[in-house]
Protein backbone atom coordinates (compact mmCIF):
# COMPACT_ATOMS: atom_id res chain seq x y z
CA MET A 1 0.01 -0.02 0.02
CA ILE A 2 1.13 3.54 -0.83
CA CYS A 3 0.16 6.33 1.63
CA GLY A 4 0.78 9.87 0.79
CA GLU A 5 0.16 13.43 2.12
CA PRO A 6 -2.32 15.69 0.42
CA GLY A 7 -1.02 17.16 -2.79
CA VAL A 8 1.46 14.33 -3.49
CA LYS A 9 1.51 13.05 -7.08
CA ARG A 10 2.16 9.42 -7.63
CA VAL A 11 3.43 7.42 -10.64
CA VAL A 12 3.39 3.65 -10.88
CA TYR A 13 4.94 1.51 -13.60
CA THR A 14 3.66 -2.05 -14.02
CA ILE A 15 4.73 -4.85 -16.26
CA THR A 16 1.48 -6.79 -15.78
CA ASP A 17 -2.16 -5.85 -15.61
CA CYS A 18 -2.94 -3.92 -12.43
CA ILE A 19 -5.90 -2.27 -10.66
CA GLY A 20 -5.36 0.94 -8.80
CA ILE A 21 -7.71 2.16 -6.05
CA ASN A 22 -7.72 5.49 -4.23
CA VAL A 23 -9.52 5.72 -0.87
CA PHE A 24 -10.43 9.15 0.58
CA LYS A 25 -12.01 9.82 3.98
CA THR A 26 -14.84 12.28 3.94
CA ASP A 27 -17.97 12.98 6.06
CA SER A 28 -19.78 14.52 3.13
CA THR A 29 -22.46 12.64 1.08
CA ASP A 30 -22.73 15.32 -1.69
CA LEU A 31 -20.72 14.13 -4.72
CA ASP A 32 -19.99 17.62 -5.97
CA GLU A 33 -18.62 18.58 -2.46
CA ILE A 34 -16.52 15.44 -2.28
CA GLU A 35 -15.09 16.19 -5.73
CA LYS A 36 -14.08 19.67 -4.58
CA GLN A 37 -12.47 18.18 -1.44
CA ILE A 38 -10.35 15.55 -3.17
CA THR A 39 -9.34 17.20 -6.37
CA GLU A 40 -7.03 20.10 -7.11
CA GLU A 41 -7.14 22.28 -10.24
CA ASP A 42 -3.90 22.10 -12.29
CA ASP A 43 -3.61 25.10 -14.58
CA THR A 44 -0.78 23.45 -16.56
CA SER A 45 -2.76 20.31 -17.35
CA MET A 46 -4.27 19.91 -20.81
CA PHE A 47 -7.16 17.85 -19.34
CA ASP A 48 -9.73 18.60 -16.63
CA ILE A 49 -10.64 16.12 -13.81
CA ARG A 50 -13.00 14.30 -16.11
CA LEU A 51 -10.25 13.85 -18.68
CA GLN A 52 -11.84 16.31 -21.13
CA LEU A 53 -9.41 18.56 -23.03
CA LYS A 54 -9.31 22.11 -21.58
CA ILE A 55 -7.96 23.56 -24.77
CA PRO A 56 -10.45 23.81 -27.68
CA SER A 57 -9.78 21.70 -30.66
CA ILE A 58 -8.81 23.33 -33.97
CA GLU A 59 -12.20 22.55 -35.43
CA GLN A 60 -13.90 24.44 -32.50
CA MET A 61 -11.50 27.41 -32.94
CA LYS A 62 -12.43 27.58 -36.70
CA GLY A 63 -16.12 27.59 -36.24
C-alpha cells in the first residue's frame, strides 16, 4: 500500500495488468462537495478532472 500526504503526485509502472484504487475519507455525502475536497485544479494540465481537453480543438476554434 502507498500512503501519501495531500497534494502528492504518484506514478506507478507495472509490467502486468494492475488495478489501482484510491480511498479518501470524507463525512460529506454530496458528490460535488466530495469532488471539490479531493481534487485540485492544475492550470498546466491539458485535461480537466473528467479527462476532457481544456484547450479547444482546432475545429472548435475555426467555427
